[in-house]
Amino acid sequence: MTVARSLLLFLLAAVAEIGGAWLVWQGVREHRGLLFVAAGILALAGYGFVAAFQPDPNFGRVLAAYGGVFVAGSLAWGVIVDRFRPDRYDLTGAAICLVGVAIIMYGPRGS
């Protein structure tokens, strides 16, 4: 249950952070206005709160592992939202990052 909760929190954090950054990008770079920017700022703040609910008590570990989720999630966001087509190097890099997430967060720890 703890791993499932952690994975769900990583997914929610990725949607909040990547979505927030995308909204800011749209507001500034694509001239969609201040409402997009404001919504992006709120989503980015939400990311910080979601990350704080990870069951692991170590901020550095959680944030390091989340980096891999962010990499893979960013590529997935690009595919779904922006019709980006990742190449084999994008996909290989994302897979390596996700293996890193699994090792950092869920690897066996000695007492």
C-alpha atoms as a PDB file:
ATOM      1  CA  MET A   1       0.000   0.000   0.000  1.00  0.00           C
ATOM      2  CA  THR A   2       2.833   2.409   0.792  1.00  0.00           C
ATOM      3  CA  VAL A   3       4.418   1.945  -2.636  1.00  0.00           C
ATOM      4  CA  ALA A   4       1.063   2.446  -4.377  1.00  0.00           C
ATOM      5  CA  ARG A   5       0.457   5.624  -2.351  1.00  0.00           C
ATOM      6  CA  SER A   6       3.938   6.879  -3.165  1.00  0.00           C
ATOM      7  CA  LEU A   7       3.472   6.217  -6.890  1.00  0.00           C
ATOM      8  CA  LEU A   8       0.124   8.013  -6.868  1.00  0.00           C
ATOM      9  CA  LEU A   9       1.703  11.003  -5.118  1.00  0.00           C
ATOM     10  CA  PHE A  10       4.515  11.065  -7.688  1.00  0.00           C
ATOM     11  CA  LEU A  11       1.917  11.048 -10.469  1.00  0.00           C
ATOM     12  CA  LEU A  12      -0.059  13.885  -8.856  1.00  0.00           C
ATOM     13  CA  ALA A  13       3.121  15.866  -8.253  1.00  0.00           C
ATOM     14  CA  ALA A  14       4.127  15.458 -11.892  1.00  0.00           C
ATOM     15  CA  VAL A  15       0.745  16.638 -13.166  1.00  0.00           C
ATOM     16  CA  ALA A  16       0.877  19.664 -10.854  1.00  0.00           C
ATOM     17  CA  GLU A  17       4.470  20.645 -11.649  1.00  0.00           C
ATOM     18  CA  ILE A  18       4.538  19.877 -15.345  1.00  0.00           C
ATOM     19  CA  GLY A  19       1.027  21.214 -15.856  1.00  0.00           C
ATOM     20  CA  GLY A  20       1.894  24.351 -13.902  1.00  0.00           C
ATOM     21  CA  ALA A  21       5.032  24.962 -15.905  1.00  0.00           C
ATOM     22  CA  TRP A  22       3.085  24.337 -19.124  1.00  0.00           C
ATOM     23  CA  LEU A  23       0.448  26.885 -18.083  1.00  0.00           C
ATOM     24  CA  VAL A  24       3.117  29.504 -17.358  1.00  0.00           C
ATOM     25  CA  TRP A  25       4.745  28.698 -20.718  1.00  0.00           C
ATOM     26  CA  GLN A  26       1.401  29.103 -22.471  1.00  0.00           C
ATOM     27  CA  GLY A  27       0.680  32.373 -20.676  1.00  0.00           C
ATOM     28  CA  VAL A  28       4.074  33.931 -21.390  1.00  0.00           C
ATOM     29  CA  ARG A  29       5.480  32.348 -24.554  1.00  0.00           C
ATOM     30  CA  GLU A  30       2.201  31.721 -26.355  1.00  0.00           C
ATOM     31  CA  HIS A  31       0.633  34.998 -25.147  1.00  0.00           C
ATOM     32  CA  ARG A  32      -2.412  33.322 -23.629  1.00  0.00           C
ATOM     33  CA  GLY A  33      -2.596  35.765 -20.754  1.00  0.00           C
ATOM     34  CA  LEU A  34      -2.211  36.235 -17.056  1.00  0.00           C
ATOM     35  CA  LEU A  35      -4.927  33.734 -16.141  1.00  0.00           C
ATOM     36  CA  PHE A  36      -2.765  30.951 -17.565  1.00  0.00           C
ATOM     37  CA  VAL A  37       0.233  32.277 -15.631  1.00  0.00           C
ATOM     38  CA  ALA A  38      -1.757  32.545 -12.389  1.00  0.00           C
ATOM     39  CA  ALA A  39      -3.175  29.045 -12.793  1.00  0.00           C
ATOM     40  CA  GLY A  40       0.352  27.781 -13.444  1.00  0.00           C
ATOM     41  CA  ILE A  41       1.673  29.426 -10.293  1.00  0.00           C
ATOM     42  CA  LEU A  42      -1.104  27.826  -8.235  1.00  0.00           C
ATOM     43  CA  ALA A  43      -0.410  24.418  -9.759  1.00  0.00           C
ATOM     44  CA  LEU A  44       3.310  24.775  -9.030  1.00  0.00           C
ATOM     45  CA  ALA A  45       2.522  25.604  -5.411  1.00  0.00           C
ATOM     46  CA  GLY A  46       0.281  22.537  -5.304  1.00  0.00           C
ATOM     47  CA  TYR A  47       3.227  20.421  -6.434  1.00  0.00           C
ATOM     48  CA  GLY A  48       5.137  21.386  -3.303  1.00  0.00           C
ATOM     49  CA  PHE A  49       2.281  20.306  -1.077  1.00  0.00           C
ATOM     50  CA  VAL A  50       1.762  16.996  -2.873  1.00  0.00           C
ATOM     51  CA  ALA A  51       5.453  16.149  -2.583  1.00  0.00           C
ATOM     52  CA  ALA A  52       5.305  16.790   1.168  1.00  0.00           C
ATOM     53  CA  PHE A  53       2.890  13.866   1.604  1.00  0.00           C
ATOM     54  CA  GLN A  54       5.337  11.214   0.386  1.00  0.00           C
ATOM     55  CA  PRO A  55       5.631   8.480   3.048  1.00  0.00           C
ATOM     56  CA  ASP A  56       9.443   8.578   3.022  1.00  0.00           C
ATOM     57  CA  PRO A  57      10.662  11.156   5.568  1.00  0.00           C
ATOM     58  CA  ASN A  58      13.805  12.120   3.633  1.00  0.00           C
ATOM     59  CA  PHE A  59      13.316  15.253   1.527  1.00  0.00           C
ATOM     60  CA  GLY A  60      16.492  14.696  -0.489  1.00  0.00           C
ATOM     61  CA  ARG A  61      15.546  11.142  -1.404  1.00  0.00           C
ATOM     62  CA  VAL A  62      12.002  12.080  -2.390  1.00  0.00           C
ATOM     63  CA  LEU A  63      13.106  15.037  -4.485  1.00  0.00           C
ATOM     64  CA  ALA A  64      15.918  13.069  -6.148  1.00  0.00           C
ATOM     65  CA  ALA A  65      13.567  10.253  -7.059  1.00  0.00           C
ATOM     66  CA  TYR A  66      10.943  12.718  -8.253  1.00  0.00           C
ATOM     67  CA  GLY A  67      13.501  14.050 -10.727  1.00  0.00           C
ATOM     68  CA  GLY A  68      13.198  10.797 -12.662  1.00  0.00           C
ATOM     69  CA  VAL A  69       9.412  10.975 -12.570  1.00  0.00           C
ATOM     70  CA  PHE A  70       9.643  14.551 -13.845  1.00  0.00           C
ATOM     71  CA  VAL A  71      11.800  13.509 -16.810  1.00  0.00           C
ATOM     72  CA  ALA A  72       9.475  10.699 -17.891  1.00  0.00           C
ATOM     73  CA  GLY A  73       6.371  12.734 -17.097  1.00  0.00           C
ATOM     74  CA  SER A  74       7.568  15.681 -19.136  1.00  0.00           C
ATOM     75  CA  LEU A  75       8.006  13.486 -22.184  1.00  0.00           C
ATOM     76  CA  ALA A  76       4.577  11.935 -21.619  1.00  0.00           C
ATOM     77  CA  TRP A  77       3.020  15.411 -21.256  1.00  0.00           C
ATOM     78  CA  GLY A  78       4.632  16.426 -24.530  1.00  0.00           C
ATOM     79  CA  VAL A  79       3.211  13.367 -26.283  1.00  0.00           C
ATOM     80  CA  ILE A  80      -0.303  13.804 -24.894  1.00  0.00           C
ATOM     81  CA  VAL A  81      -0.668  17.587 -24.914  1.00  0.00           C
ATOM     82  CA  ASP A  82       1.764  18.929 -27.513  1.00  0.00           C
ATOM     83  CA  ARG A  83       1.851  15.946 -29.906  1.00  0.00           C
ATOM     84  CA  PHE A  84       5.613  15.614 -29.345  1.00  0.00           C
ATOM     85  CA  ARG A  85       7.118  12.431 -30.789  1.00  0.00           C
ATOM     86  CA  PRO A  86       9.973  11.168 -28.611  1.00  0.00           C
ATOM     87  CA  ASP A  87      12.760   9.264 -30.284  1.00  0.00           C
ATOM     88  CA  ARG A  88      14.444   6.134 -28.971  1.00  0.00           C
ATOM     89  CA  TYR A  89      16.963   8.182 -27.009  1.00  0.00           C
ATOM     90  CA  ASP A  90      14.187  10.088 -25.233  1.00  0.00           C
ATOM     91  CA  LEU A  91      12.465   6.818 -24.371  1.00  0.00           C
ATOM     92  CA  THR A  92      15.682   5.111 -23.273  1.00  0.00           C
ATOM     93  CA  GLY A  93      16.620   8.056 -21.078  1.00  0.00           C
ATOM     94  CA  ALA A  94      13.165   8.139 -19.496  1.00  0.00           C
ATOM     95  CA  ALA A  95      13.322   4.396 -18.805  1.00  0.00           C
ATOM     96  CA  ILE A  96      16.725   4.797 -17.137  1.00  0.00           C
ATOM     97  CA  CYS A  97      15.301   7.606 -15.002  1.00  0.00           C
ATOM     98  CA  LEU A  98      12.370   5.444 -13.898  1.00  0.00           C
ATOM     99  CA  VAL A  99      14.733   2.611 -12.972  1.00  0.00           C
ATOM    100  CA  GLY A 100      16.564   5.187 -10.862  1.00  0.00           C
ATOM    101  CA  VAL A 101      13.305   6.164  -9.172  1.00  0.00           C
ATOM    102  CA  ALA A 102      12.615   2.536  -8.282  1.00  0.00           C
ATOM    103  CA  ILE A 103      16.111   2.035  -6.878  1.00  0.00           C
ATOM    104  CA  ILE A 104      16.147   5.264  -4.864  1.00  0.00           C
ATOM    105  CA  MET A 105      12.650   5.019  -3.431  1.00  0.00           C
ATOM    106  CA  TYR A 106      11.875   1.349  -3.194  1.00  0.00           C
ATOM    107  CA  GLY A 107      15.207  -0.440  -2.940  1.00  0.00           C
ATOM    108  CA  PRO A 108      15.759  -2.539   0.187  1.00  0.00           C
ATOM    109  CA  ARG A 109      17.308  -0.571   3.013  1.00  0.00           C
ATOM    110  CA  GLY A 110      19.344  -1.996   5.852  1.00  0.00           C
ATOM    111  CA  SER A 111      18.299  -1.025   9.365  1.00  0.00           C
END
